[in-house]
Amino acid sequence: MKDNICKEKMALVEKLGVHIESRDKLAPVAARILSYVILTGKKGTTFEDLVKILCASKSTISTHLNHLQDLKKIKYFTKTGDRKKYFVINKDTIIQHIDRMVDHWDEERKIHLEIKMYKETINKHRLENEEEKFDLNFHNDYIKFIDGASSSIQELRTKITDNQFDI
């Protein structure tokens, strides 16, 4: 059972790593480190664990850990009587990602509102020819979707900042 969970975790580390690599423009090893940290959770992972599990050199892991800390994507904690650093996700990383999504959706919303207003203006001048009028349903539905998605993600952001989740 433990072997299956380990294989499943590593497959997910790879899949999430590829996603994070392209989304955040990170080096492959940095993306895999971040993925592993995310999937390890609040117990954290050590430098030694990352070297062993990701099969990378100490210098490579060290370089990417430092880079991820500089980017404020991960942080570490120590345990009393233990000299190791335990790396965990920085919840500010999640907040920053949410903020980027909301900003992107706000831009999308503004563009669709502008397009919709343009099409409404054109439609007013085409009163006699119904066939040439623009259908505005897509824009209405898309704007409604963006509003709902933005509201939901803002609610999630509030829960994260209010420490309602143990990330």
C-alpha atoms as a PDB file:
ATOM      1  CA  MET A   1       0.000   0.000   0.000  1.00  0.00           C
ATOM      2  CA  LYS A   2       2.773   2.433   0.969  1.00  0.00           C
ATOM      3  CA  ASP A   3       4.616   1.712  -2.315  1.00  0.00           C
ATOM      4  CA  ASN A   4       1.452   2.454  -4.306  1.00  0.00           C
ATOM      5  CA  ILE A   5       0.950   5.743  -2.480  1.00  0.00           C
ATOM      6  CA  CYS A   6       4.592   6.664  -3.101  1.00  0.00           C
ATOM      7  CA  LYS A   7       4.281   5.858  -6.831  1.00  0.00           C
ATOM      8  CA  GLU A   8       1.039   7.803  -7.022  1.00  0.00           C
ATOM      9  CA  LYS A   9       2.622  10.778  -5.250  1.00  0.00           C
ATOM     10  CA  MET A  10       5.621  10.799  -7.569  1.00  0.00           C
ATOM     11  CA  ALA A  11       3.402  10.556 -10.667  1.00  0.00           C
ATOM     12  CA  LEU A  12       1.432  13.516  -9.342  1.00  0.00           C
ATOM     13  CA  VAL A  13       4.670  15.395  -8.524  1.00  0.00           C
ATOM     14  CA  GLU A  14       5.643  14.997 -12.173  1.00  0.00           C
ATOM     15  CA  LYS A  15       2.226  16.022 -13.506  1.00  0.00           C
ATOM     16  CA  LEU A  16       1.932  19.028 -11.178  1.00  0.00           C
ATOM     17  CA  GLY A  17       5.576  19.876 -11.845  1.00  0.00           C
ATOM     18  CA  VAL A  18       4.973  20.123 -15.592  1.00  0.00           C
ATOM     19  CA  HIS A  19       1.944  22.349 -14.928  1.00  0.00           C
ATOM     20  CA  ILE A  20       3.812  24.629 -12.510  1.00  0.00           C
ATOM     21  CA  GLU A  21       6.857  24.734 -14.773  1.00  0.00           C
ATOM     22  CA  SER A  22       4.842  26.220 -17.638  1.00  0.00           C
ATOM     23  CA  ARG A  23       2.513  28.345 -15.512  1.00  0.00           C
ATOM     24  CA  ASP A  24       5.172  29.935 -13.310  1.00  0.00           C
ATOM     25  CA  LYS A  25       8.079  29.792 -15.779  1.00  0.00           C
ATOM     26  CA  LEU A  26      10.196  27.737 -13.368  1.00  0.00           C
ATOM     27  CA  ALA A  27      13.071  25.396 -14.125  1.00  0.00           C
ATOM     28  CA  PRO A  28      12.003  21.735 -14.192  1.00  0.00           C
ATOM     29  CA  VAL A  29      13.754  20.818 -10.924  1.00  0.00           C
ATOM     30  CA  ALA A  30      12.369  23.886  -9.134  1.00  0.00           C
ATOM     31  CA  ALA A  31       8.858  22.979 -10.305  1.00  0.00           C
ATOM     32  CA  ARG A  32       9.301  19.395  -9.072  1.00  0.00           C
ATOM     33  CA  ILE A  33      10.590  20.642  -5.706  1.00  0.00           C
ATOM     34  CA  LEU A  34       7.576  22.923  -5.361  1.00  0.00           C
ATOM     35  CA  SER A  35       5.240  20.096  -6.380  1.00  0.00           C
ATOM     36  CA  TYR A  36       6.787  17.728  -3.868  1.00  0.00           C
ATOM     37  CA  VAL A  37       6.553  20.348  -1.108  1.00  0.00           C
ATOM     38  CA  ILE A  38       2.877  20.937  -1.946  1.00  0.00           C
ATOM     39  CA  LEU A  39       2.098  17.219  -1.876  1.00  0.00           C
ATOM     40  CA  THR A  40       4.030  16.605   1.337  1.00  0.00           C
ATOM     41  CA  GLY A  41       1.943  19.110   3.253  1.00  0.00           C
ATOM     42  CA  LYS A  42       2.411  20.762   6.608  1.00  0.00           C
ATOM     43  CA  LYS A  43       4.889  18.189   7.937  1.00  0.00           C
ATOM     44  CA  GLY A  44       7.374  19.605   5.443  1.00  0.00           C
ATOM     45  CA  THR A  45      10.224  17.997   3.600  1.00  0.00           C
ATOM     46  CA  THR A  46      13.949  18.259   4.161  1.00  0.00           C
ATOM     47  CA  PHE A  47      16.834  19.052   1.847  1.00  0.00           C
ATOM     48  CA  GLU A  48      18.067  15.488   2.227  1.00  0.00           C
ATOM     49  CA  ASP A  49      14.640  14.082   1.293  1.00  0.00           C
ATOM     50  CA  LEU A  50      14.555  16.207  -1.859  1.00  0.00           C
ATOM     51  CA  VAL A  51      18.055  15.113  -2.950  1.00  0.00           C
ATOM     52  CA  LYS A  52      17.113  11.455  -2.500  1.00  0.00           C
ATOM     53  CA  ILE A  53      13.587  11.540  -3.902  1.00  0.00           C
ATOM     54  CA  LEU A  54      14.186  13.815  -6.892  1.00  0.00           C
ATOM     55  CA  CYS A  55      17.517  12.162  -7.741  1.00  0.00           C
ATOM     56  CA  ALA A  56      19.269  15.496  -8.158  1.00  0.00           C
ATOM     57  CA  SER A  57      22.606  16.735  -6.895  1.00  0.00           C
ATOM     58  CA  LYS A  58      22.899  18.630  -3.644  1.00  0.00           C
ATOM     59  CA  SER A  59      24.005  21.769  -5.462  1.00  0.00           C
ATOM     60  CA  THR A  60      21.022  21.604  -7.840  1.00  0.00           C
ATOM     61  CA  ILE A  61      18.531  21.131  -5.004  1.00  0.00           C
ATOM     62  CA  SER A  62      20.207  23.867  -2.956  1.00  0.00           C
ATOM     63  CA  THR A  63      20.158  26.338  -5.854  1.00  0.00           C
ATOM     64  CA  HIS A  64      16.480  25.740  -6.574  1.00  0.00           C
ATOM     65  CA  LEU A  65      15.458  25.763  -2.898  1.00  0.00           C
ATOM     66  CA  ASN A  66      17.141  29.149  -2.517  1.00  0.00           C
ATOM     67  CA  HIS A  67      15.444  30.415  -5.669  1.00  0.00           C
ATOM     68  CA  LEU A  68      12.010  29.222  -4.505  1.00  0.00           C
ATOM     69  CA  GLN A  69      12.593  30.910  -1.134  1.00  0.00           C
ATOM     70  CA  ASP A  70      13.661  34.130  -2.885  1.00  0.00           C
ATOM     71  CA  LEU A  71      10.413  33.972  -4.880  1.00  0.00           C
ATOM     72  CA  LYS A  72       8.578  33.456  -1.566  1.00  0.00           C
ATOM     73  CA  LYS A  73       6.959  30.290  -2.892  1.00  0.00           C
ATOM     74  CA  ILE A  74       8.267  28.160  -0.035  1.00  0.00           C
ATOM     75  CA  LYS A  75       9.435  28.751   3.500  1.00  0.00           C
ATOM     76  CA  TYR A  76      10.957  26.571   6.159  1.00  0.00           C
ATOM     77  CA  PHE A  77      10.586  25.834   9.820  1.00  0.00           C
ATOM     78  CA  THR A  78      12.767  23.983  12.279  1.00  0.00           C
ATOM     79  CA  LYS A  79      11.917  21.593  15.073  1.00  0.00           C
ATOM     80  CA  THR A  80      13.307  21.889  18.571  1.00  0.00           C
ATOM     81  CA  GLY A  81      16.391  19.718  18.910  1.00  0.00           C
ATOM     82  CA  ASP A  82      16.552  19.057  15.168  1.00  0.00           C
ATOM     83  CA  ARG A  83      18.997  20.970  12.970  1.00  0.00           C
ATOM     84  CA  LYS A  84      17.128  20.225   9.747  1.00  0.00           C
ATOM     85  CA  LYS A  85      15.003  22.722   7.852  1.00  0.00           C
ATOM     86  CA  TYR A  86      11.533  21.530   6.886  1.00  0.00           C
ATOM     87  CA  PHE A  87      10.238  23.173   3.715  1.00  0.00           C
ATOM     88  CA  VAL A  88       6.543  23.931   3.247  1.00  0.00           C
ATOM     89  CA  ILE A  89       4.460  25.969   0.830  1.00  0.00           C
ATOM     90  CA  ASN A  90       4.181  29.655   1.637  1.00  0.00           C
ATOM     91  CA  LYS A  91       0.454  30.405   1.753  1.00  0.00           C
ATOM     92  CA  ASP A  92       1.230  33.823   0.264  1.00  0.00           C
ATOM     93  CA  THR A  93       2.057  31.909  -2.938  1.00  0.00           C
ATOM     94  CA  ILE A  94      -1.544  30.739  -3.119  1.00  0.00           C
ATOM     95  CA  ILE A  95      -2.819  34.256  -2.408  1.00  0.00           C
ATOM     96  CA  GLN A  96      -0.599  35.675  -5.163  1.00  0.00           C
ATOM     97  CA  HIS A  97      -1.856  33.040  -7.606  1.00  0.00           C
ATOM     98  CA  ILE A  98      -5.474  33.867  -6.744  1.00  0.00           C
ATOM     99  CA  ASP A  99      -4.781  37.588  -7.169  1.00  0.00           C
ATOM    100  CA  ARG A 100      -3.271  36.971 -10.635  1.00  0.00           C
ATOM    101  CA  MET A 101      -6.329  34.909 -11.621  1.00  0.00           C
ATOM    102  CA  VAL A 102      -8.723  37.626 -10.459  1.00  0.00           C
ATOM    103  CA  ASP A 103      -6.726  40.324 -12.280  1.00  0.00           C
ATOM    104  CA  HIS A 104      -6.814  38.237 -15.458  1.00  0.00           C
ATOM    105  CA  TRP A 105     -10.564  37.687 -15.131  1.00  0.00           C
ATOM    106  CA  ASP A 106     -11.128  41.406 -14.485  1.00  0.00           C
ATOM    107  CA  GLU A 107      -9.333  42.196 -17.752  1.00  0.00           C
ATOM    108  CA  GLU A 108     -11.394  39.552 -19.588  1.00  0.00           C
ATOM    109  CA  ARG A 109     -14.587  41.012 -18.121  1.00  0.00           C
ATOM    110  CA  LYS A 110     -13.692  44.555 -19.197  1.00  0.00           C
ATOM    111  CA  ILE A 111     -12.920  43.443 -22.751  1.00  0.00           C
ATOM    112  CA  HIS A 112     -16.164  41.479 -23.041  1.00  0.00           C
ATOM    113  CA  LEU A 113     -18.167  44.392 -21.670  1.00  0.00           C
ATOM    114  CA  GLU A 114     -16.566  46.674 -24.234  1.00  0.00           C
ATOM    115  CA  ILE A 115     -17.245  44.212 -27.063  1.00  0.00           C
ATOM    116  CA  LYS A 116     -20.830  43.774 -25.863  1.00  0.00           C
ATOM    117  CA  MET A 117     -21.386  47.556 -25.768  1.00  0.00           C
ATOM    118  CA  TYR A 118     -19.957  47.883 -29.278  1.00  0.00           C
ATOM    119  CA  LYS A 119     -22.248  45.129 -30.572  1.00  0.00           C
ATOM    120  CA  GLU A 120     -25.256  46.723 -28.840  1.00  0.00           C
ATOM    121  CA  THR A 121     -24.476  50.002 -30.607  1.00  0.00           C
ATOM    122  CA  ILE A 122     -24.221  48.241 -33.969  1.00  0.00           C
ATOM    123  CA  ASN A 123     -27.474  46.376 -33.273  1.00  0.00           C
ATOM    124  CA  LYS A 124     -29.308  49.689 -32.739  1.00  0.00           C
ATOM    125  CA  HIS A 125     -28.331  50.752 -36.247  1.00  0.00           C
ATOM    126  CA  ARG A 126     -29.518  47.488 -37.746  1.00  0.00           C
ATOM    127  CA  LEU A 127     -33.097  47.769 -36.569  1.00  0.00           C
ATOM    128  CA  GLU A 128     -34.548  46.788 -39.924  1.00  0.00           C
ATOM    129  CA  ASN A 129     -32.382  43.705 -40.470  1.00  0.00           C
ATOM    130  CA  GLU A 130     -32.662  41.147 -37.657  1.00  0.00           C
ATOM    131  CA  GLU A 131     -30.381  38.663 -39.435  1.00  0.00           C
ATOM    132  CA  GLU A 132     -27.395  41.016 -39.226  1.00  0.00           C
ATOM    133  CA  LYS A 133     -27.763  41.712 -35.515  1.00  0.00           C
ATOM    134  CA  PHE A 134     -25.190  40.359 -33.094  1.00  0.00           C
ATOM    135  CA  ASP A 135     -26.256  37.725 -30.597  1.00  0.00           C
ATOM    136  CA  LEU A 136     -25.209  39.015 -27.155  1.00  0.00           C
ATOM    137  CA  ASN A 137     -26.026  35.864 -25.192  1.00  0.00           C
ATOM    138  CA  PHE A 138     -22.440  34.567 -25.215  1.00  0.00           C
ATOM    139  CA  HIS A 139     -21.093  37.798 -23.728  1.00  0.00           C
ATOM    140  CA  ASN A 140     -23.853  37.933 -21.123  1.00  0.00           C
ATOM    141  CA  ASP A 141     -23.191  34.337 -20.069  1.00  0.00           C
ATOM    142  CA  TYR A 142     -19.414  34.758 -20.090  1.00  0.00           C
ATOM    143  CA  ILE A 143     -19.569  37.905 -17.953  1.00  0.00           C
ATOM    144  CA  LYS A 144     -21.926  36.104 -15.573  1.00  0.00           C
ATOM    145  CA  PHE A 145     -19.452  33.191 -15.384  1.00  0.00           C
ATOM    146  CA  ILE A 146     -16.520  35.523 -14.655  1.00  0.00           C
ATOM    147  CA  ASP A 147     -18.519  37.283 -11.937  1.00  0.00           C
ATOM    148  CA  GLY A 148     -19.383  33.962 -10.284  1.00  0.00           C
ATOM    149  CA  ALA A 149     -15.863  32.568 -10.573  1.00  0.00           C
ATOM    150  CA  SER A 150     -14.352  35.789  -9.202  1.00  0.00           C
ATOM    151  CA  SER A 151     -16.759  35.781  -6.287  1.00  0.00           C
ATOM    152  CA  SER A 152     -15.978  32.136  -5.473  1.00  0.00           C
ATOM    153  CA  ILE A 153     -12.211  32.568  -5.647  1.00  0.00           C
ATOM    154  CA  GLN A 154     -12.398  35.744  -3.515  1.00  0.00           C
ATOM    155  CA  GLU A 155     -14.304  33.724  -0.918  1.00  0.00           C
ATOM    156  CA  LEU A 156     -11.547  31.101  -0.983  1.00  0.00           C
ATOM    157  CA  ARG A 157      -8.920  33.834  -0.650  1.00  0.00           C
ATOM    158  CA  THR A 158     -10.692  35.215   2.415  1.00  0.00           C
ATOM    159  CA  LYS A 159     -10.768  31.773   4.024  1.00  0.00           C
ATOM    160  CA  ILE A 160      -7.041  31.346   3.384  1.00  0.00           C
ATOM    161  CA  THR A 161      -6.144  34.754   4.807  1.00  0.00           C
ATOM    162  CA  ASP A 162      -8.409  34.162   7.812  1.00  0.00           C
ATOM    163  CA  ASN A 163      -6.500  30.913   8.467  1.00  0.00           C
ATOM    164  CA  GLN A 164      -9.583  28.742   8.003  1.00  0.00           C
ATOM    165  CA  PHE A 165      -7.410  26.219   6.129  1.00  0.00           C
ATOM    166  CA  ASP A 166      -4.368  24.361   7.346  1.00  0.00           C
ATOM    167  CA  ILE A 167      -2.315  24.459   4.149  1.00  0.00           C
END
